[in-house]
Protein backbone atom coordinates (compact mmCIF):
# COMPACT_ATOMS: atom_id res chain seq x y z
CA MET A 1 58.97 83.17 214.33
CA ARG A 2 56.96 82.19 217.76
CA ARG A 3 59.00 80.92 220.13
CA ASP A 4 56.47 77.77 220.71
CA GLY A 5 55.98 77.09 217.48
CA LEU A 6 60.21 76.69 216.86
CA GLU A 7 60.32 74.77 219.94
CA GLN A 8 57.86 72.40 218.94
CA LEU A 9 59.33 72.00 215.68
CA GLY A 10 62.78 71.05 217.87
CA GLY A 11 64.12 74.84 217.00
CA LYS A 12 67.47 75.56 219.83
CA THR A 13 68.49 79.48 220.28
CA LEU A 14 71.57 80.05 219.55
CA GLY A 15 72.08 82.93 221.49
CA GLU A 16 69.88 86.16 222.91
CA GLU A 17 69.32 89.11 221.34
CA VAL A 18 68.05 91.60 218.62
CA GLN A 19 68.11 95.01 217.80
CA GLY A 20 64.86 96.17 216.27
CA LEU A 21 63.40 100.01 215.72
CA ARG A 22 62.43 100.94 219.16
CA GLY A 23 66.30 99.61 220.70
CA TYR A 24 67.54 96.56 222.01
CA VAL A 25 64.96 94.11 222.97
CA GLU A 26 66.53 90.69 224.32
CA ARG A 27 64.63 87.52 222.21
CA GLY A 28 65.97 83.76 220.95
CA VAL A 29 67.76 83.84 218.02
CA GLY A 30 68.62 80.66 215.97
CA GLU A 31 68.43 79.13 212.59
CA ALA A 32 65.08 77.19 211.29
CA ARG A 33 64.76 75.26 207.98
CA LEU A 34 61.82 77.19 205.69
CA VAL A 35 60.05 76.83 202.71
CA LEU A 36 58.83 79.83 200.60
CA LEU A 37 57.85 79.93 197.63
CA GLY A 38 58.47 76.19 196.96
CA ARG A 39 62.09 77.09 197.93
CA ARG A 40 63.87 75.29 200.72
CA ARG A 41 66.39 76.96 202.85
CA VAL A 42 67.64 77.33 206.10
CA VAL A 43 67.66 80.87 207.41
CA PRO A 44 67.81 82.84 210.68
CA VAL A 45 65.10 83.45 212.99
CA VAL A 46 64.17 85.39 215.76
CA PHE A 47 62.42 83.31 218.46
CA SER A 48 59.35 85.87 219.27
CA GLU A 49 57.25 85.93 222.11
CA GLU A 50 53.21 86.41 222.48
CA GLY A 51 52.46 90.18 221.28
CA ASP A 52 55.65 90.41 218.78
CA VAL A 53 54.69 91.01 215.14
CA ALA A 54 55.49 87.78 213.16
CA VAL A 55 58.05 88.80 209.83
CA ILE A 56 60.40 87.46 207.48
CA GLY A 57 63.54 89.65 207.94
CA THR A 58 65.64 91.05 205.22
CA THR A 59 68.47 88.56 205.53
CA ALA A 60 66.01 85.48 205.36
CA LEU A 61 64.53 87.20 202.11
CA GLU A 62 68.13 87.60 200.81
CA VAL A 63 68.96 83.91 201.48
CA PHE A 64 65.81 82.97 199.56
CA GLY A 65 66.51 85.35 196.30
CA LEU A 66 63.66 87.75 196.76
CA GLY A 67 62.92 91.15 197.45
CA VAL A 68 59.52 93.25 198.46
CA ASP A 69 58.20 95.25 195.81
CA VAL A 70 56.96 97.89 197.74
CA VAL A 71 54.42 99.06 194.80
CA ARG A 72 52.35 95.89 194.43
CA GLY A 73 52.85 94.93 197.94
CA VAL A 74 54.19 91.11 197.26
CA LEU A 75 57.62 89.11 197.20
CA LYS A 76 59.52 88.96 194.28
CA GLU A 77 62.97 87.54 192.70
CA ALA A 78 65.78 89.33 193.53
CA GLU A 79 69.11 90.51 192.04
CA LEU A 80 72.07 88.61 194.01
CA LEU A 81 75.23 89.93 193.88
CA LEU A 82 78.24 87.41 194.87
CA LEU A 83 80.25 88.77 197.31
CA THR A 84 84.05 87.54 197.04
CA LEU A 85 86.51 87.32 199.73
CA VAL A 86 90.18 88.69 198.85
CA ASP A 87 91.92 87.78 201.69
CA MET A 88 90.80 84.33 203.25
CA ARG A 89 93.55 84.18 205.98
CA CYS A 90 91.98 87.89 207.22
CA SER A 91 88.46 86.63 207.31
CA ASN A 92 86.36 85.29 210.17
CA LEU A 93 84.50 83.08 208.11
CA GLN A 94 83.74 79.84 209.35
CA ILE A 95 81.94 77.21 207.59
CA GLU A 96 80.15 74.15 209.03
CA HIS A 97 78.85 71.32 207.23
CA TYR A 98 75.10 70.88 208.14
C-alpha cells in the first residue's frame, strides 16, 4: 500500500525491510486493518513508494482465508490448515492484545 495513503490513515511503520524478487529493498513494514470481500482483518503491509506496484501479499491472503485461482484470475476460498505449537516453552510466539 502506498506510504502516503497509509500515513494519512494513521499507519506507522514497525520496521524497515522487504525481500523482493529482485533482492533486498528498504521499505517500511507495518500492520493495517483492511476489508476485502466483506471480511475485516488486520494484516501485515509494506509501505510502498511511488513507482512500486500495488499488490496484496501471500500472508495477507492467508489471513483473509483466500487464495488465487490462477486459471480464472480471481480470488477464491482457500483451505486453511491449523498449525499447533507442540511445545510453547520453546516457541518465540508472543500474543499481544489489539
